[in-house]
Amino acid sequence: METQNVTVRMPKALLRQAKQVAAARGTTLTALVIEGLARATSGDAAYREALARQRALMQAGYLLREPNEPFPHRNTAHER
């Protein structure tokens, strides 16, 4: 994997907390940032894929009866 150096500005308190989290996990700050960015970008793709699946299902519809089957009479559908 090809990498590139990036300069990021963030609040000092956030940087301090991120360094502490990385140290507690036994990893680097770079690895922590990569993990967070990967999670943020993969969730977006997963959402788009799920949305596309649901739209396709809605477009196809749901067959409640056979095409030539008559609708049930109201009294049989709602027994009283």
PDB file of N, CA and C in Angstrom:
ATOM      1  N   MET A   1       0.845  -1.174   0.000  1.00  0.00           N
ATOM      2  CA  MET A   1       0.000   0.000   0.000  1.00  0.00           C
ATOM      3  C   MET A   1       0.889   1.235   0.000  1.00  0.00           C
ATOM      4  N   GLU A   2       0.616   2.126  -0.915  1.00  0.00           N
ATOM      5  CA  GLU A   2       1.359   3.375  -1.000  1.00  0.00           C
ATOM      6  C   GLU A   2       0.804   4.336   0.045  1.00  0.00           C
ATOM      7  N   THR A   3       1.680   5.070   0.706  1.00  0.00           N
ATOM      8  CA  THR A   3       1.251   6.012   1.740  1.00  0.00           C
ATOM      9  C   THR A   3       1.686   7.426   1.382  1.00  0.00           C
ATOM     10  N   GLN A   4       1.079   8.373   2.062  1.00  0.00           N
ATOM     11  CA  GLN A   4       1.415   9.782   1.864  1.00  0.00           C
ATOM     12  C   GLN A   4       1.324  10.481   3.213  1.00  0.00           C
ATOM     13  N   ASN A   5       2.280  11.330   3.492  1.00  0.00           N
ATOM     14  CA  ASN A   5       2.245  12.114   4.724  1.00  0.00           C
ATOM     15  C   ASN A   5       1.177  13.188   4.617  1.00  0.00           C
ATOM     16  N   VAL A   6       0.478  13.433   5.736  1.00  0.00           N
ATOM     17  CA  VAL A   6      -0.610  14.406   5.771  1.00  0.00           C
ATOM     18  C   VAL A   6      -0.463  15.234   7.032  1.00  0.00           C
ATOM     19  N   THR A   7      -0.717  16.536   6.909  1.00  0.00           N
ATOM     20  CA  THR A   7      -0.720  17.411   8.076  1.00  0.00           C
ATOM     21  C   THR A   7      -2.164  17.654   8.483  1.00  0.00           C
ATOM     22  N   VAL A   8      -2.452  17.422   9.755  1.00  0.00           N
ATOM     23  CA  VAL A   8      -3.815  17.585  10.262  1.00  0.00           C
ATOM     24  C   VAL A   8      -3.776  18.508  11.471  1.00  0.00           C
ATOM     25  N   ARG A   9      -4.687  19.447  11.514  1.00  0.00           N
ATOM     26  CA  ARG A   9      -4.796  20.325  12.679  1.00  0.00           C
ATOM     27  C   ARG A   9      -5.952  19.840  13.539  1.00  0.00           C
ATOM     28  N   MET A  10      -5.715  19.774  14.840  1.00  0.00           N
ATOM     29  CA  MET A  10      -6.758  19.362  15.773  1.00  0.00           C
ATOM     30  C   MET A  10      -6.504  20.000  17.127  1.00  0.00           C
ATOM     31  N   PRO A  11      -7.527  20.065  17.966  1.00  0.00           N
ATOM     32  CA  PRO A  11      -7.335  20.628  19.300  1.00  0.00           C
ATOM     33  C   PRO A  11      -6.294  19.824  20.087  1.00  0.00           C
ATOM     34  N   LYS A  12      -5.487  20.526  20.879  1.00  0.00           N
ATOM     35  CA  LYS A  12      -4.427  19.859  21.646  1.00  0.00           C
ATOM     36  C   LYS A  12      -4.992  18.810  22.587  1.00  0.00           C
ATOM     37  N   ALA A  13      -6.145  19.102  23.190  1.00  0.00           N
ATOM     38  CA  ALA A  13      -6.749  18.145  24.127  1.00  0.00           C
ATOM     39  C   ALA A  13      -7.130  16.848  23.408  1.00  0.00           C
ATOM     40  N   LEU A  14      -7.649  16.967  22.194  1.00  0.00           N
ATOM     41  CA  LEU A  14      -8.014  15.784  21.414  1.00  0.00           C
ATOM     42  C   LEU A  14      -6.771  14.986  21.046  1.00  0.00           C
ATOM     43  N   LEU A  15      -5.714  15.678  20.654  1.00  0.00           N
ATOM     44  CA  LEU A  15      -4.465  15.002  20.312  1.00  0.00           C
ATOM     45  C   LEU A  15      -3.921  14.244  21.519  1.00  0.00           C
ATOM     46  N   ARG A  16      -3.965  14.872  22.681  1.00  0.00           N
ATOM     47  CA  ARG A  16      -3.483  14.233  23.910  1.00  0.00           C
ATOM     48  C   ARG A  16      -4.306  12.965  24.207  1.00  0.00           C
ATOM     49  N   GLN A  17      -5.626  13.062  24.077  1.00  0.00           N
ATOM     50  CA  GLN A  17      -6.476  11.894  24.322  1.00  0.00           C
ATOM     51  C   GLN A  17      -6.207  10.788  23.297  1.00  0.00           C
ATOM     52  N   ALA A  18      -6.028  11.174  22.045  1.00  0.00           N
ATOM     53  CA  ALA A  18      -5.763  10.184  20.996  1.00  0.00           C
ATOM     54  C   ALA A  18      -4.449   9.456  21.245  1.00  0.00           C
ATOM     55  N   LYS A  19      -3.443  10.185  21.685  1.00  0.00           N
ATOM     56  CA  LYS A  19      -2.156   9.550  22.002  1.00  0.00           C
ATOM     57  C   LYS A  19      -2.307   8.581  23.158  1.00  0.00           C
ATOM     58  N   GLN A  20      -3.106   8.945  24.147  1.00  0.00           N
ATOM     59  CA  GLN A  20      -3.340   8.070  25.294  1.00  0.00           C
ATOM     60  C   GLN A  20      -4.078   6.797  24.870  1.00  0.00           C
ATOM     61  N   VAL A  21      -5.065   6.950  24.003  1.00  0.00           N
ATOM     62  CA  VAL A  21      -5.815   5.785  23.518  1.00  0.00           C
ATOM     63  C   VAL A  21      -4.890   4.867  22.719  1.00  0.00           C
ATOM     64  N   ALA A  22      -4.079   5.454  21.849  1.00  0.00           N
ATOM     65  CA  ALA A  22      -3.146   4.657  21.051  1.00  0.00           C
ATOM     66  C   ALA A  22      -2.172   3.903  21.951  1.00  0.00           C
ATOM     67  N   ALA A  23      -1.654   4.573  22.967  1.00  0.00           N
ATOM     68  CA  ALA A  23      -0.713   3.923  23.887  1.00  0.00           C
ATOM     69  C   ALA A  23      -1.401   2.792  24.647  1.00  0.00           C
ATOM     70  N   ALA A  24      -2.638   3.020  25.077  1.00  0.00           N
ATOM     71  CA  ALA A  24      -3.373   1.995  25.817  1.00  0.00           C
ATOM     72  C   ALA A  24      -3.650   0.771  24.945  1.00  0.00           C
ATOM     73  N   ARG A  25      -3.845   0.990  23.665  1.00  0.00           N
ATOM     74  CA  ARG A  25      -4.093  -0.120  22.732  1.00  0.00           C
ATOM     75  C   ARG A  25      -2.802  -0.744  22.227  1.00  0.00           C
ATOM     76  N   GLY A  26      -1.686  -0.125  22.541  1.00  0.00           N
ATOM     77  CA  GLY A  26      -0.401  -0.645  22.073  1.00  0.00           C
ATOM     78  C   GLY A  26      -0.203  -0.436  20.579  1.00  0.00           C
ATOM     79  N   THR A  27      -0.693   0.683  20.068  1.00  0.00           N
ATOM     80  CA  THR A  27      -0.576   0.977  18.649  1.00  0.00           C
ATOM     81  C   THR A  27      -0.059   2.401  18.469  1.00  0.00           C
ATOM     82  N   THR A  28       0.038   2.836  17.246  1.00  0.00           N
ATOM     83  CA  THR A  28       0.526   4.188  16.972  1.00  0.00           C
ATOM     84  C   THR A  28      -0.647   5.127  16.715  1.00  0.00           C
ATOM     85  N   LEU A  29      -0.364   6.410  16.787  1.00  0.00           N
ATOM     86  CA  LEU A  29      -1.374   7.421  16.476  1.00  0.00           C
ATOM     87  C   LEU A  29      -1.777   7.302  15.005  1.00  0.00           C
ATOM     88  N   THR A  30      -0.822   7.014  14.140  1.00  0.00           N
ATOM     89  CA  THR A  30      -1.113   6.834  12.716  1.00  0.00           C
ATOM     90  C   THR A  30      -2.106   5.688  12.512  1.00  0.00           C
ATOM     91  N   ALA A  31      -1.847   4.561  13.168  1.00  0.00           N
ATOM     92  CA  ALA A  31      -2.741   3.409  13.038  1.00  0.00           C
ATOM     93  C   ALA A  31      -4.137   3.729  13.564  1.00  0.00           C
ATOM     94  N   LEU A  32      -4.209   4.501  14.630  1.00  0.00           N
ATOM     95  CA  LEU A  32      -5.497   4.897  15.200  1.00  0.00           C
ATOM     96  C   LEU A  32      -6.274   5.779  14.221  1.00  0.00           C
ATOM     97  N   VAL A  33      -5.593   6.722  13.590  1.00  0.00           N
ATOM     98  CA  VAL A  33      -6.237   7.602  12.613  1.00  0.00           C
ATOM     99  C   VAL A  33      -6.689   6.794  11.396  1.00  0.00           C
ATOM    100  N   ILE A  34      -5.843   5.897  10.906  1.00  0.00           N
ATOM    101  CA  ILE A  34      -6.204   5.059   9.762  1.00  0.00           C
ATOM    102  C   ILE A  34      -7.432   4.222  10.085  1.00  0.00           C
ATOM    103  N   GLU A  35      -7.476   3.641  11.267  1.00  0.00           N
ATOM    104  CA  GLU A  35      -8.619   2.827  11.687  1.00  0.00           C
ATOM    105  C   GLU A  35      -9.912   3.656  11.693  1.00  0.00           C
ATOM    106  N   GLY A  36      -9.832   4.859  12.252  1.00  0.00           N
ATOM    107  CA  GLY A  36     -11.009   5.714  12.310  1.00  0.00           C
ATOM    108  C   GLY A  36     -11.483   6.152  10.934  1.00  0.00           C
ATOM    109  N   LEU A  37     -10.558   6.522  10.065  1.00  0.00           N
ATOM    110  CA  LEU A  37     -10.927   6.931   8.715  1.00  0.00           C
ATOM    111  C   LEU A  37     -11.489   5.760   7.903  1.00  0.00           C
ATOM    112  N   ALA A  38     -10.900   4.582   8.079  1.00  0.00           N
ATOM    113  CA  ALA A  38     -11.397   3.399   7.372  1.00  0.00           C
ATOM    114  C   ALA A  38     -12.822   3.076   7.822  1.00  0.00           C
ATOM    115  N   ARG A  39     -13.077   3.173   9.113  1.00  0.00           N
ATOM    116  CA  ARG A  39     -14.416   2.904   9.638  1.00  0.00           C
ATOM    117  C   ARG A  39     -15.417   3.936   9.115  1.00  0.00           C
ATOM    118  N   ALA A  40     -15.022   5.193   9.081  1.00  0.00           N
ATOM    119  CA  ALA A  40     -15.920   6.257   8.624  1.00  0.00           C
ATOM    120  C   ALA A  40     -16.254   6.105   7.144  1.00  0.00           C
ATOM    121  N   THR A  41     -15.275   5.732   6.337  1.00  0.00           N
ATOM    122  CA  THR A  41     -15.528   5.628   4.902  1.00  0.00           C
ATOM    123  C   THR A  41     -16.208   4.318   4.522  1.00  0.00           C
ATOM    124  N   SER A  42     -15.950   3.239   5.231  1.00  0.00           N
ATOM    125  CA  SER A  42     -16.593   1.966   4.890  1.00  0.00           C
ATOM    126  C   SER A  42     -18.060   1.981   5.282  1.00  0.00           C
ATOM    127  N   GLY A  43     -18.407   2.662   6.357  1.00  0.00           N
ATOM    128  CA  GLY A  43     -19.799   2.756   6.764  1.00  0.00           C
ATOM    129  C   GLY A  43     -20.635   3.467   5.725  1.00  0.00           C
ATOM    130  N   ASP A  44     -20.063   4.451   5.069  1.00  0.00           N
ATOM    131  CA  ASP A  44     -20.752   5.196   4.031  1.00  0.00           C
ATOM    132  C   ASP A  44     -21.079   4.290   2.853  1.00  0.00           C
ATOM    133  N   ALA A  45     -20.129   3.466   2.461  1.00  0.00           N
ATOM    134  CA  ALA A  45     -20.340   2.546   1.336  1.00  0.00           C
ATOM    135  C   ALA A  45     -21.376   1.492   1.707  1.00  0.00           C
ATOM    136  N   ALA A  46     -21.302   0.987   2.922  1.00  0.00           N
ATOM    137  CA  ALA A  46     -22.269  -0.024   3.367  1.00  0.00           C
ATOM    138  C   ALA A  46     -23.681   0.549   3.383  1.00  0.00           C
ATOM    139  N   TYR A  47     -23.811   1.808   3.798  1.00  0.00           N
ATOM    140  CA  TYR A  47     -25.119   2.454   3.812  1.00  0.00           C
ATOM    141  C   TYR A  47     -25.676   2.573   2.389  1.00  0.00           C
ATOM    142  N   ARG A  48     -24.841   3.000   1.469  1.00  0.00           N
ATOM    143  CA  ARG A  48     -25.298   3.150   0.076  1.00  0.00           C
ATOM    144  C   ARG A  48     -25.727   1.804  -0.515  1.00  0.00           C
ATOM    145  N   GLU A  49     -24.978   0.739  -0.197  1.00  0.00           N
ATOM    146  CA  GLU A  49     -25.328  -0.592  -0.693  1.00  0.00           C
ATOM    147  C   GLU A  49     -26.654  -1.058  -0.100  1.00  0.00           C
ATOM    148  N   ALA A  50     -26.851  -0.853   1.193  1.00  0.00           N
ATOM    149  CA  ALA A  50     -28.104  -1.247   1.839  1.00  0.00           C
ATOM    150  C   ALA A  50     -29.276  -0.455   1.281  1.00  0.00           C
ATOM    151  N   LEU A  51     -29.065   0.836   1.057  1.00  0.00           N
ATOM    152  CA  LEU A  51     -30.115   1.677   0.492  1.00  0.00           C
ATOM    153  C   LEU A  51     -30.508   1.193  -0.904  1.00  0.00           C
ATOM    154  N   ALA A  52     -29.528   0.845  -1.714  1.00  0.00           N
ATOM    155  CA  ALA A  52     -29.806   0.353  -3.063  1.00  0.00           C
ATOM    156  C   ALA A  52     -30.589  -0.960  -3.010  1.00  0.00           C
ATOM    157  N   ARG A  53     -30.227  -1.867  -2.084  1.00  0.00           N
ATOM    158  CA  ARG A  53     -30.966  -3.130  -1.940  1.00  0.00           C
ATOM    159  C   ARG A  53     -32.415  -2.875  -1.542  1.00  0.00           C
ATOM    160  N   GLN A  54     -32.629  -1.984  -0.591  1.00  0.00           N
ATOM    161  CA  GLN A  54     -33.983  -1.700  -0.130  1.00  0.00           C
ATOM    162  C   GLN A  54     -34.814  -1.026  -1.215  1.00  0.00           C
ATOM    163  N   ARG A  55     -34.223  -0.127  -1.967  1.00  0.00           N
ATOM    164  CA  ARG A  55     -34.952   0.514  -3.066  1.00  0.00           C
ATOM    165  C   ARG A  55     -35.358  -0.508  -4.120  1.00  0.00           C
ATOM    166  N   ALA A  56     -34.478  -1.455  -4.406  1.00  0.00           N
ATOM    167  CA  ALA A  56     -34.805  -2.500  -5.383  1.00  0.00           C
ATOM    168  C   ALA A  56     -35.963  -3.352  -4.876  1.00  0.00           C
ATOM    169  N   LEU A  57     -35.963  -3.688  -3.588  1.00  0.00           N
ATOM    170  CA  LEU A  57     -37.061  -4.465  -3.021  1.00  0.00           C
ATOM    171  C   LEU A  57     -38.374  -3.691  -3.082  1.00  0.00           C
ATOM    172  N   MET A  58     -38.326  -2.396  -2.773  1.00  0.00           N
ATOM    173  CA  MET A  58     -39.538  -1.586  -2.826  1.00  0.00           C
ATOM    174  C   MET A  58     -40.041  -1.447  -4.257  1.00  0.00           C
ATOM    175  N   GLN A  59     -39.133  -1.334  -5.210  1.00  0.00           N
ATOM    176  CA  GLN A  59     -39.512  -1.208  -6.613  1.00  0.00           C
ATOM    177  C   GLN A  59     -40.180  -2.491  -7.094  1.00  0.00           C
ATOM    178  N   ALA A  60     -39.661  -3.639  -6.659  1.00  0.00           N
ATOM    179  CA  ALA A  60     -40.217  -4.925  -7.062  1.00  0.00           C
ATOM    180  C   ALA A  60     -41.595  -5.150  -6.449  1.00  0.00           C
ATOM    181  N   GLY A  61     -41.826  -4.622  -5.265  1.00  0.00           N
ATOM    182  CA  GLY A  61     -43.112  -4.789  -4.594  1.00  0.00           C
ATOM    183  C   GLY A  61     -43.205  -6.122  -3.882  1.00  0.00           C
ATOM    184  N   TYR A  62     -44.342  -6.348  -3.272  1.00  0.00           N
ATOM    185  CA  TYR A  62     -44.578  -7.571  -2.509  1.00  0.00           C
ATOM    186  C   TYR A  62     -45.887  -8.162  -2.989  1.00  0.00           C
ATOM    187  N   LEU A  63     -45.863  -9.395  -3.438  1.00  0.00           N
ATOM    188  CA  LEU A  63     -47.032 -10.058  -3.985  1.00  0.00           C
ATOM    189  C   LEU A  63     -47.910 -10.568  -2.849  1.00  0.00           C
ATOM    190  N   LEU A  64     -49.080  -9.962  -2.681  1.00  0.00           N
ATOM    191  CA  LEU A  64     -50.004 -10.351  -1.611  1.00  0.00           C
ATOM    192  C   LEU A  64     -50.980 -11.431  -2.065  1.00  0.00           C
ATOM    193  N   ARG A  65     -51.165 -11.572  -3.360  1.00  0.00           N
ATOM    194  CA  ARG A  65     -52.066 -12.576  -3.914  1.00  0.00           C
ATOM    195  C   ARG A  65     -51.570 -12.917  -5.316  1.00  0.00           C
ATOM    196  N   GLU A  66     -52.068 -14.001  -5.863  1.00  0.00           N
ATOM    197  CA  GLU A  66     -51.704 -14.382  -7.220  1.00  0.00           C
ATOM    198  C   GLU A  66     -52.307 -13.366  -8.191  1.00  0.00           C
ATOM    199  N   PRO A  67     -51.697 -13.123  -9.341  1.00  0.00           N
ATOM    200  CA  PRO A  67     -52.178 -12.095 -10.264  1.00  0.00           C
ATOM    201  C   PRO A  67     -53.639 -12.250 -10.684  1.00  0.00           C
ATOM    202  N   ASN A  68     -54.125 -13.472 -10.928  1.00  0.00           N
ATOM    203  CA  ASN A  68     -55.503 -13.669 -11.382  1.00  0.00           C
ATOM    204  C   ASN A  68     -56.467 -13.954 -10.231  1.00  0.00           C
ATOM    205  N   GLU A  69     -55.983 -14.014  -9.044  1.00  0.00           N
ATOM    206  CA  GLU A  69     -56.821 -14.316  -7.878  1.00  0.00           C
ATOM    207  C   GLU A  69     -57.619 -13.065  -7.496  1.00  0.00           C
ATOM    208  N   PRO A  70     -58.934 -13.229  -7.254  1.00  0.00           N
ATOM    209  CA  PRO A  70     -59.721 -12.052  -6.874  1.00  0.00           C
ATOM    210  C   PRO A  70     -59.379 -11.597  -5.454  1.00  0.00           C
ATOM    211  N   PHE A  71     -59.650 -10.355  -5.184  1.00  0.00           N
ATOM    212  CA  PHE A  71     -59.456  -9.851  -3.832  1.00  0.00           C
ATOM    213  C   PHE A  71     -60.464 -10.518  -2.905  1.00  0.00           C
ATOM    214  N   PRO A  72     -60.101 -10.794  -1.674  1.00  0.00           N
ATOM    215  CA  PRO A  72     -61.062 -11.410  -0.760  1.00  0.00           C
ATOM    216  C   PRO A  72     -62.166 -10.422  -0.414  1.00  0.00           C
ATOM    217  N   HIS A  73     -63.336 -10.959  -0.119  1.00  0.00           N
ATOM    218  CA  HIS A  73     -64.448 -10.109   0.278  1.00  0.00           C
ATOM    219  C   HIS A  73     -64.127  -9.510   1.642  1.00  0.00           C
ATOM    220  N   ARG A  74     -64.607  -8.335   1.869  1.00  0.00           N
ATOM    221  CA  ARG A  74     -64.312  -7.604   3.115  1.00  0.00           C
ATOM    222  C   ARG A  74     -64.697  -8.398   4.353  1.00  0.00           C
ATOM    223  N   ASN A  75     -65.816  -9.087   4.306  1.00  0.00           N
ATOM    224  CA  ASN A  75     -66.281  -9.841   5.472  1.00  0.00           C
ATOM    225  C   ASN A  75     -65.389 -11.032   5.782  1.00  0.00           C
ATOM    226  N   THR A  76     -64.783 -11.651   4.754  1.00  0.00           N
ATOM    227  CA  THR A  76     -63.885 -12.775   5.018  1.00  0.00           C
ATOM    228  C   THR A  76     -62.509 -12.285   5.445  1.00  0.00           C
ATOM    229  N   ALA A  77     -62.134 -11.135   4.929  1.00  0.00           N
ATOM    230  CA  ALA A  77     -60.835 -10.586   5.309  1.00  0.00           C
ATOM    231  C   ALA A  77     -60.845 -10.071   6.747  1.00  0.00           C
ATOM    232  N   HIS A  78     -61.988  -9.574   7.181  1.00  0.00           N
ATOM    233  CA  HIS A  78     -62.134  -9.027   8.539  1.00  0.00           C
ATOM    234  C   HIS A  78     -63.292  -9.754   9.213  1.00  0.00           C
ATOM    235  N   GLU A  79     -63.019 -10.947   9.667  1.00  0.00           N
ATOM    236  CA  GLU A  79     -64.086 -11.741  10.286  1.00  0.00           C
ATOM    237  C   GLU A  79     -64.671 -11.009  11.470  1.00  0.00           C
ATOM    238  N   ARG A  80     -66.002 -11.016  11.498  1.00  0.00           N
ATOM    239  CA  ARG A  80     -66.708 -10.299  12.569  1.00  0.00           C
ATOM    240  C   ARG A  80     -67.561 -11.244  13.349  1.00  0.00           C
TER     241      ARG A  80
END
